[in-house]
Amino acid sequence: MQLVYDSESFAVMVVEIPAGGETAARGAFESVDKRGHRDIFLEGVLAETFKAGAVTLMASRPSEDDIDDYIGRFTDVGHQPLVLH
């Protein structure tokens, strides 16, 4: 797991999921919505969509608010409340 973004609102980590056999490893993203207290895990097509949009966004030299707004679009898929033990 590698932290790739951290702001007051969100933290985003890249997660490499090892594959078995001849299948290549696949990437996923875990995002922590710090204000909404939710953990969002994106994999598969959703992770690919997230990554493609992030790459496009980063090419425009966005502000932190722009990045947070983009990540915030994906928080609706997060149904897991963040609980610290």
PDB file of N, CA and C in Angstrom:
ATOM      1  N   MET A   1       0.855  -1.158   0.000  1.00  0.00           N
ATOM      2  CA  MET A   1       0.000   0.000   0.000  1.00  0.00           C
ATOM      3  C   MET A   1       0.907   1.228   0.000  1.00  0.00           C
ATOM      4  N   GLN A   2       0.579   2.189  -0.849  1.00  0.00           N
ATOM      5  CA  GLN A   2       1.370   3.399  -0.959  1.00  0.00           C
ATOM      6  C   GLN A   2       0.447   4.613  -0.933  1.00  0.00           C
ATOM      7  N   LEU A   3       0.729   5.539  -0.037  1.00  0.00           N
ATOM      8  CA  LEU A   3      -0.041   6.780   0.048  1.00  0.00           C
ATOM      9  C   LEU A   3       0.300   7.649  -1.151  1.00  0.00           C
ATOM     10  N   VAL A   4      -0.718   8.051  -1.920  1.00  0.00           N
ATOM     11  CA  VAL A   4      -0.475   8.878  -3.102  1.00  0.00           C
ATOM     12  C   VAL A   4      -1.111  10.259  -2.991  1.00  0.00           C
ATOM     13  N   TYR A   5      -1.988  10.451  -1.997  1.00  0.00           N
ATOM     14  CA  TYR A   5      -2.619  11.758  -1.818  1.00  0.00           C
ATOM     15  C   TYR A   5      -3.080  11.884  -0.381  1.00  0.00           C
ATOM     16  N   ASP A   6      -2.882  13.075   0.192  1.00  0.00           N
ATOM     17  CA  ASP A   6      -3.323  13.330   1.563  1.00  0.00           C
ATOM     18  C   ASP A   6      -3.684  14.798   1.696  1.00  0.00           C
ATOM     19  N   SER A   7      -4.913  15.068   2.104  1.00  0.00           N
ATOM     20  CA  SER A   7      -5.371  16.434   2.354  1.00  0.00           C
ATOM     21  C   SER A   7      -6.176  16.429   3.647  1.00  0.00           C
ATOM     22  N   GLU A   8      -6.755  17.552   3.989  1.00  0.00           N
ATOM     23  CA  GLU A   8      -7.595  17.610   5.192  1.00  0.00           C
ATOM     24  C   GLU A   8      -8.853  16.760   5.032  1.00  0.00           C
ATOM     25  N   SER A   9      -9.269  16.535   3.793  1.00  0.00           N
ATOM     26  CA  SER A   9     -10.515  15.819   3.534  1.00  0.00           C
ATOM     27  C   SER A   9     -10.332  14.347   3.177  1.00  0.00           C
ATOM     28  N   PHE A  10      -9.264  14.025   2.459  1.00  0.00           N
ATOM     29  CA  PHE A  10      -9.099  12.675   1.938  1.00  0.00           C
ATOM     30  C   PHE A  10      -7.656  12.187   2.040  1.00  0.00           C
ATOM     31  N   ALA A  11      -7.522  10.886   2.107  1.00  0.00           N
ATOM     32  CA  ALA A  11      -6.239  10.206   1.914  1.00  0.00           C
ATOM     33  C   ALA A  11      -6.505   9.091   0.909  1.00  0.00           C
ATOM     34  N   VAL A  12      -5.611   8.933  -0.060  1.00  0.00           N
ATOM     35  CA  VAL A  12      -5.779   7.914  -1.089  1.00  0.00           C
ATOM     36  C   VAL A  12      -4.513   7.064  -1.135  1.00  0.00           C
ATOM     37  N   MET A  13      -4.714   5.752  -1.097  1.00  0.00           N
ATOM     38  CA  MET A  13      -3.618   4.806  -1.183  1.00  0.00           C
ATOM     39  C   MET A  13      -3.809   3.902  -2.399  1.00  0.00           C
ATOM     40  N   VAL A  14      -2.699   3.536  -3.030  1.00  0.00           N
ATOM     41  CA  VAL A  14      -2.714   2.543  -4.101  1.00  0.00           C
ATOM     42  C   VAL A  14      -2.459   1.197  -3.441  1.00  0.00           C
ATOM     43  N   VAL A  15      -3.261   0.221  -3.802  1.00  0.00           N
ATOM     44  CA  VAL A  15      -3.137  -1.124  -3.245  1.00  0.00           C
ATOM     45  C   VAL A  15      -2.878  -2.074  -4.412  1.00  0.00           C
ATOM     46  N   GLU A  16      -1.780  -2.812  -4.338  1.00  0.00           N
ATOM     47  CA  GLU A  16      -1.500  -3.834  -5.345  1.00  0.00           C
ATOM     48  C   GLU A  16      -2.025  -5.166  -4.824  1.00  0.00           C
ATOM     49  N   ILE A  17      -2.929  -5.767  -5.566  1.00  0.00           N
ATOM     50  CA  ILE A  17      -3.510  -7.049  -5.184  1.00  0.00           C
ATOM     51  C   ILE A  17      -2.784  -8.130  -5.960  1.00  0.00           C
ATOM     52  N   PRO A  18      -2.014  -8.971  -5.265  1.00  0.00           N
ATOM     53  CA  PRO A  18      -1.276 -10.013  -5.985  1.00  0.00           C
ATOM     54  C   PRO A  18      -2.227 -10.998  -6.648  1.00  0.00           C
ATOM     55  N   ALA A  19      -1.807 -11.451  -7.785  1.00  0.00           N
ATOM     56  CA  ALA A  19      -2.622 -12.408  -8.529  1.00  0.00           C
ATOM     57  C   ALA A  19      -2.011 -13.795  -8.408  1.00  0.00           C
ATOM     58  N   GLY A  20      -2.837 -14.770  -8.568  1.00  0.00           N
ATOM     59  CA  GLY A  20      -2.355 -16.146  -8.532  1.00  0.00           C
ATOM     60  C   GLY A  20      -2.146 -16.665  -9.942  1.00  0.00           C
ATOM     61  N   GLY A  21      -1.259 -17.613 -10.070  1.00  0.00           N
ATOM     62  CA  GLY A  21      -1.039 -18.249 -11.375  1.00  0.00           C
ATOM     63  C   GLY A  21      -0.432 -17.295 -12.381  1.00  0.00           C
ATOM     64  N   GLU A  22      -0.982 -17.313 -13.588  1.00  0.00           N
ATOM     65  CA  GLU A  22      -0.439 -16.507 -14.672  1.00  0.00           C
ATOM     66  C   GLU A  22      -1.119 -15.150 -14.796  1.00  0.00           C
ATOM     67  N   THR A  23      -2.067 -14.865 -13.940  1.00  0.00           N
ATOM     68  CA  THR A  23      -2.779 -13.594 -13.988  1.00  0.00           C
ATOM     69  C   THR A  23      -1.904 -12.484 -13.419  1.00  0.00           C
ATOM     70  N   ALA A  24      -1.901 -11.337 -14.074  1.00  0.00           N
ATOM     71  CA  ALA A  24      -1.114 -10.198 -13.600  1.00  0.00           C
ATOM     72  C   ALA A  24      -1.767  -9.597 -12.361  1.00  0.00           C
ATOM     73  N   ALA A  25      -0.937  -8.991 -11.520  1.00  0.00           N
ATOM     74  CA  ALA A  25      -1.462  -8.289 -10.346  1.00  0.00           C
ATOM     75  C   ALA A  25      -2.364  -7.158 -10.814  1.00  0.00           C
ATOM     76  N   ARG A  26      -3.322  -6.825  -9.990  1.00  0.00           N
ATOM     77  CA  ARG A  26      -4.222  -5.730 -10.356  1.00  0.00           C
ATOM     78  C   ARG A  26      -4.155  -4.652  -9.290  1.00  0.00           C
ATOM     79  N   GLY A  27      -4.381  -3.434  -9.720  1.00  0.00           N
ATOM     80  CA  GLY A  27      -4.323  -2.307  -8.811  1.00  0.00           C
ATOM     81  C   GLY A  27      -5.697  -1.931  -8.299  1.00  0.00           C
ATOM     82  N   ALA A  28      -5.712  -1.390  -7.126  1.00  0.00           N
ATOM     83  CA  ALA A  28      -6.941  -0.899  -6.511  1.00  0.00           C
ATOM     84  C   ALA A  28      -6.592   0.368  -5.752  1.00  0.00           C
ATOM     85  N   PHE A  29      -7.605   1.071  -5.309  1.00  0.00           N
ATOM     86  CA  PHE A  29      -7.403   2.284  -4.540  1.00  0.00           C
ATOM     87  C   PHE A  29      -8.238   2.212  -3.276  1.00  0.00           C
ATOM     88  N   GLU A  30      -7.669   2.682  -2.196  1.00  0.00           N
ATOM     89  CA  GLU A  30      -8.416   2.837  -0.959  1.00  0.00           C
ATOM     90  C   GLU A  30      -8.403   4.314  -0.619  1.00  0.00           C
ATOM     91  N   SER A  31      -9.571   4.866  -0.404  1.00  0.00           N
ATOM     92  CA  SER A  31      -9.710   6.275  -0.091  1.00  0.00           C
ATOM     93  C   SER A  31     -10.385   6.414   1.268  1.00  0.00           C
ATOM     94  N   VAL A  32      -9.828   7.270   2.095  1.00  0.00           N
ATOM     95  CA  VAL A  32     -10.425   7.555   3.392  1.00  0.00           C
ATOM     96  C   VAL A  32     -11.033   8.950   3.325  1.00  0.00           C
ATOM     97  N   ASP A  33     -12.333   9.006   3.515  1.00  0.00           N
ATOM     98  CA  ASP A  33     -13.062  10.273   3.588  1.00  0.00           C
ATOM     99  C   ASP A  33     -12.981  10.716   5.050  1.00  0.00           C
ATOM    100  N   LYS A  34     -12.070  11.622   5.338  1.00  0.00           N
ATOM    101  CA  LYS A  34     -11.798  12.010   6.720  1.00  0.00           C
ATOM    102  C   LYS A  34     -12.976  12.745   7.361  1.00  0.00           C
ATOM    103  N   ARG A  35     -13.692  13.509   6.589  1.00  0.00           N
ATOM    104  CA  ARG A  35     -14.821  14.276   7.148  1.00  0.00           C
ATOM    105  C   ARG A  35     -16.085  13.438   7.260  1.00  0.00           C
ATOM    106  N   GLY A  36     -16.265  12.531   6.310  1.00  0.00           N
ATOM    107  CA  GLY A  36     -17.443  11.665   6.324  1.00  0.00           C
ATOM    108  C   GLY A  36     -17.227  10.375   7.094  1.00  0.00           C
ATOM    109  N   HIS A  37     -15.997  10.163   7.558  1.00  0.00           N
ATOM    110  CA  HIS A  37     -15.645   8.972   8.335  1.00  0.00           C
ATOM    111  C   HIS A  37     -16.014   7.689   7.597  1.00  0.00           C
ATOM    112  N   ARG A  38     -15.583   7.646   6.317  1.00  0.00           N
ATOM    113  CA  ARG A  38     -15.852   6.463   5.502  1.00  0.00           C
ATOM    114  C   ARG A  38     -14.573   6.000   4.818  1.00  0.00           C
ATOM    115  N   ASP A  39     -14.511   4.713   4.609  1.00  0.00           N
ATOM    116  CA  ASP A  39     -13.423   4.085   3.886  1.00  0.00           C
ATOM    117  C   ASP A  39     -13.992   3.560   2.579  1.00  0.00           C
ATOM    118  N   ILE A  40     -13.387   3.945   1.453  1.00  0.00           N
ATOM    119  CA  ILE A  40     -13.892   3.551   0.154  1.00  0.00           C
ATOM    120  C   ILE A  40     -12.827   2.717  -0.543  1.00  0.00           C
ATOM    121  N   PHE A  41     -13.174   1.514  -0.969  1.00  0.00           N
ATOM    122  CA  PHE A  41     -12.244   0.636  -1.681  1.00  0.00           C
ATOM    123  C   PHE A  41     -12.721   0.511  -3.107  1.00  0.00           C
ATOM    124  N   LEU A  42     -11.854   0.889  -4.063  1.00  0.00           N
ATOM    125  CA  LEU A  42     -12.193   0.831  -5.477  1.00  0.00           C
ATOM    126  C   LEU A  42     -11.314  -0.200  -6.163  1.00  0.00           C
ATOM    127  N   GLU A  43     -11.927  -1.129  -6.869  1.00  0.00           N
ATOM    128  CA  GLU A  43     -11.160  -2.096  -7.639  1.00  0.00           C
ATOM    129  C   GLU A  43     -11.879  -2.375  -8.947  1.00  0.00           C
ATOM    130  N   GLY A  44     -11.199  -3.060  -9.828  1.00  0.00           N
ATOM    131  CA  GLY A  44     -11.796  -3.414 -11.112  1.00  0.00           C
ATOM    132  C   GLY A  44     -12.041  -2.196 -11.987  1.00  0.00           C
ATOM    133  N   VAL A  45     -13.172  -2.214 -12.656  1.00  0.00           N
ATOM    134  CA  VAL A  45     -13.518  -1.139 -13.593  1.00  0.00           C
ATOM    135  C   VAL A  45     -13.607   0.203 -12.871  1.00  0.00           C
ATOM    136  N   LEU A  46     -14.126   0.203 -11.672  1.00  0.00           N
ATOM    137  CA  LEU A  46     -14.243   1.458 -10.926  1.00  0.00           C
ATOM    138  C   LEU A  46     -12.867   2.044 -10.614  1.00  0.00           C
ATOM    139  N   ALA A  47     -11.909   1.197 -10.262  1.00  0.00           N
ATOM    140  CA  ALA A  47     -10.538   1.657 -10.002  1.00  0.00           C
ATOM    141  C   ALA A  47      -9.905   2.202 -11.283  1.00  0.00           C
ATOM    142  N   GLU A  48     -10.147   1.538 -12.399  1.00  0.00           N
ATOM    143  CA  GLU A  48      -9.610   2.007 -13.676  1.00  0.00           C
ATOM    144  C   GLU A  48     -10.209   3.358 -14.053  1.00  0.00           C
ATOM    145  N   THR A  49     -11.502   3.530 -13.819  1.00  0.00           N
ATOM    146  CA  THR A  49     -12.173   4.799 -14.092  1.00  0.00           C
ATOM    147  C   THR A  49     -11.605   5.898 -13.199  1.00  0.00           C
ATOM    148  N   PHE A  50     -11.421   5.590 -11.921  1.00  0.00           N
ATOM    149  CA  PHE A  50     -10.855   6.543 -10.971  1.00  0.00           C
ATOM    150  C   PHE A  50      -9.458   6.969 -11.417  1.00  0.00           C
ATOM    151  N   LYS A  51      -8.622   6.011 -11.774  1.00  0.00           N
ATOM    152  CA  LYS A  51      -7.244   6.299 -12.176  1.00  0.00           C
ATOM    153  C   LYS A  51      -7.209   7.148 -13.451  1.00  0.00           C
ATOM    154  N   ALA A  52      -7.993   6.772 -14.450  1.00  0.00           N
ATOM    155  CA  ALA A  52      -8.013   7.518 -15.711  1.00  0.00           C
ATOM    156  C   ALA A  52      -8.437   8.965 -15.488  1.00  0.00           C
ATOM    157  N   GLY A  53      -9.452   9.165 -14.677  1.00  0.00           N
ATOM    158  CA  GLY A  53      -9.906  10.520 -14.377  1.00  0.00           C
ATOM    159  C   GLY A  53      -8.871  11.310 -13.597  1.00  0.00           C
ATOM    160  N   ALA A  54      -8.178  10.638 -12.673  1.00  0.00           N
ATOM    161  CA  ALA A  54      -7.152  11.308 -11.873  1.00  0.00           C
ATOM    162  C   ALA A  54      -5.975  11.730 -12.750  1.00  0.00           C
ATOM    163  N   VAL A  55      -5.578  10.866 -13.680  1.00  0.00           N
ATOM    164  CA  VAL A  55      -4.473  11.203 -14.584  1.00  0.00           C
ATOM    165  C   VAL A  55      -4.838  12.417 -15.433  1.00  0.00           C
ATOM    166  N   THR A  56      -6.050  12.429 -15.957  1.00  0.00           N
ATOM    167  CA  THR A  56      -6.522  13.566 -16.753  1.00  0.00           C
ATOM    168  C   THR A  56      -6.557  14.839 -15.903  1.00  0.00           C
ATOM    169  N   LEU A  57      -7.074  14.731 -14.693  1.00  0.00           N
ATOM    170  CA  LEU A  57      -7.156  15.882 -13.795  1.00  0.00           C
ATOM    171  C   LEU A  57      -5.763  16.423 -13.470  1.00  0.00           C
ATOM    172  N   MET A  58      -4.821  15.540 -13.174  1.00  0.00           N
ATOM    173  CA  MET A  58      -3.481  15.979 -12.779  1.00  0.00           C
ATOM    174  C   MET A  58      -2.765  16.697 -13.917  1.00  0.00           C
ATOM    175  N   ALA A  59      -3.115  16.399 -15.151  1.00  0.00           N
ATOM    176  CA  ALA A  59      -2.500  17.070 -16.295  1.00  0.00           C
ATOM    177  C   ALA A  59      -2.866  18.554 -16.339  1.00  0.00           C
ATOM    178  N   SER A  60      -3.949  18.917 -15.677  1.00  0.00           N
ATOM    179  CA  SER A  60      -4.398  20.318 -15.699  1.00  0.00           C
ATOM    180  C   SER A  60      -3.871  21.132 -14.513  1.00  0.00           C
ATOM    181  N   ARG A  61      -2.974  20.537 -13.729  1.00  0.00           N
ATOM    182  CA  ARG A  61      -2.395  21.191 -12.552  1.00  0.00           C
ATOM    183  C   ARG A  61      -3.489  21.721 -11.613  1.00  0.00           C
ATOM    184  N   PRO A  62      -4.312  20.820 -11.082  1.00  0.00           N
ATOM    185  CA  PRO A  62      -5.468  21.212 -10.273  1.00  0.00           C
ATOM    186  C   PRO A  62      -5.068  21.710  -8.882  1.00  0.00           C
ATOM    187  N   SER A  63      -5.991  22.428  -8.277  1.00  0.00           N
ATOM    188  CA  SER A  63      -5.820  22.845  -6.885  1.00  0.00           C
ATOM    189  C   SER A  63      -6.208  21.674  -5.979  1.00  0.00           C
ATOM    190  N   GLU A  64      -5.896  21.805  -4.702  1.00  0.00           N
ATOM    191  CA  GLU A  64      -6.296  20.765  -3.751  1.00  0.00           C
ATOM    192  C   GLU A  64      -7.817  20.623  -3.711  1.00  0.00           C
ATOM    193  N   ASP A  65      -8.524  21.730  -3.822  1.00  0.00           N
ATOM    194  CA  ASP A  65      -9.993  21.667  -3.843  1.00  0.00           C
ATOM    195  C   ASP A  65     -10.503  20.895  -5.058  1.00  0.00           C
ATOM    196  N   ASP A  66      -9.863  21.093  -6.210  1.00  0.00           N
ATOM    197  CA  ASP A  66     -10.260  20.359  -7.417  1.00  0.00           C
ATOM    198  C   ASP A  66     -10.069  18.855  -7.220  1.00  0.00           C
ATOM    199  N   ILE A  67      -8.940  18.477  -6.629  1.00  0.00           N
ATOM    200  CA  ILE A  67      -8.655  17.067  -6.394  1.00  0.00           C
ATOM    201  C   ILE A  67      -9.654  16.488  -5.393  1.00  0.00           C
ATOM    202  N   ASP A  68      -9.902  17.222  -4.301  1.00  0.00           N
ATOM    203  CA  ASP A  68     -10.868  16.759  -3.305  1.00  0.00           C
ATOM    204  C   ASP A  68     -12.261  16.610  -3.915  1.00  0.00           C
ATOM    205  N   ASP A  69     -12.647  17.528  -4.782  1.00  0.00           N
ATOM    206  CA  ASP A  69     -13.952  17.430  -5.445  1.00  0.00           C
ATOM    207  C   ASP A  69     -14.025  16.172  -6.302  1.00  0.00           C
ATOM    208  N   TYR A  70     -12.943  15.872  -7.018  1.00  0.00           N
ATOM    209  CA  TYR A  70     -12.917  14.669  -7.854  1.00  0.00           C
ATOM    210  C   TYR A  70     -13.043  13.416  -6.993  1.00  0.00           C
ATOM    211  N   ILE A  71     -12.244  13.324  -5.948  1.00  0.00           N
ATOM    212  CA  ILE A  71     -12.307  12.154  -5.066  1.00  0.00           C
ATOM    213  C   ILE A  71     -13.682  12.046  -4.427  1.00  0.00           C
ATOM    214  N   GLY A  72     -14.257  13.179  -4.060  1.00  0.00           N
ATOM    215  CA  GLY A  72     -15.575  13.208  -3.437  1.00  0.00           C
ATOM    216  C   GLY A  72     -16.669  12.599  -4.292  1.00  0.00           C
ATOM    217  N   ARG A  73     -16.496  12.611  -5.600  1.00  0.00           N
ATOM    218  CA  ARG A  73     -17.493  11.994  -6.490  1.00  0.00           C
ATOM    219  C   ARG A  73     -17.600  10.489  -6.269  1.00  0.00           C
ATOM    220  N   PHE A  74     -16.558   9.898  -5.731  1.00  0.00           N
ATOM    221  CA  PHE A  74     -16.536   8.446  -5.544  1.00  0.00           C
ATOM    222  C   PHE A  74     -16.975   8.026  -4.142  1.00  0.00           C
ATOM    223  N   THR A  75     -17.275   8.979  -3.269  1.00  0.00           N
ATOM    224  CA  THR A  75     -17.628   8.623  -1.895  1.00  0.00           C
ATOM    225  C   THR A  75     -18.993   7.961  -1.782  1.00  0.00           C
ATOM    226  N   ASP A  76     -19.847   8.144  -2.768  1.00  0.00           N
ATOM    227  CA  ASP A  76     -21.170   7.518  -2.713  1.00  0.00           C
ATOM    228  C   ASP A  76     -21.092   6.001  -2.767  1.00  0.00           C
ATOM    229  N   VAL A  77     -19.979   5.458  -3.290  1.00  0.00           N
ATOM    230  CA  VAL A  77     -19.853   4.003  -3.324  1.00  0.00           C
ATOM    231  C   VAL A  77     -19.388   3.448  -1.989  1.00  0.00           C
ATOM    232  N   GLY A  78     -18.970   4.321  -1.086  1.00  0.00           N
ATOM    233  CA  GLY A  78     -18.462   3.875   0.215  1.00  0.00           C
ATOM    234  C   GLY A  78     -19.567   3.726   1.224  1.00  0.00           C
ATOM    235  N   HIS A  79     -19.800   2.513   1.640  1.00  0.00           N
ATOM    236  CA  HIS A  79     -20.832   2.255   2.635  1.00  0.00           C
ATOM    237  C   HIS A  79     -20.236   1.756   3.946  1.00  0.00           C
ATOM    238  N   GLN A  80     -18.911   1.724   4.012  1.00  0.00           N
ATOM    239  CA  GLN A  80     -18.233   1.203   5.193  1.00  0.00           C
ATOM    240  C   GLN A  80     -17.820   2.379   6.087  1.00  0.00           C
ATOM    241  N   PRO A  81     -18.427   2.530   7.257  1.00  0.00           N
ATOM    242  CA  PRO A  81     -18.009   3.614   8.146  1.00  0.00           C
ATOM    243  C   PRO A  81     -16.594   3.358   8.650  1.00  0.00           C
ATOM    244  N   LEU A  82     -15.860   4.438   8.823  1.00  0.00           N
ATOM    245  CA  LEU A  82     -14.490   4.329   9.325  1.00  0.00           C
ATOM    246  C   LEU A  82     -14.530   4.283  10.837  1.00  0.00           C
ATOM    247  N   VAL A  83     -14.001   3.207  11.419  1.00  0.00           N
ATOM    248  CA  VAL A  83     -13.985   3.027  12.860  1.00  0.00           C
ATOM    249  C   VAL A  83     -12.561   2.738  13.279  1.00  0.00           C
ATOM    250  N   LEU A  84     -12.066   3.499  14.221  1.00  0.00           N
ATOM    251  CA  LEU A  84     -10.708   3.261  14.736  1.00  0.00           C
ATOM    252  C   LEU A  84     -10.784   2.362  15.947  1.00  0.00           C
ATOM    253  N   HIS A  85      -9.893   1.394  16.006  1.00  0.00           N
ATOM    254  CA  HIS A  85      -9.875   0.452  17.136  1.00  0.00           C
ATOM    255  C   HIS A  85      -8.730   0.796  18.062  1.00  0.00           C
TER     256      HIS A  85
END
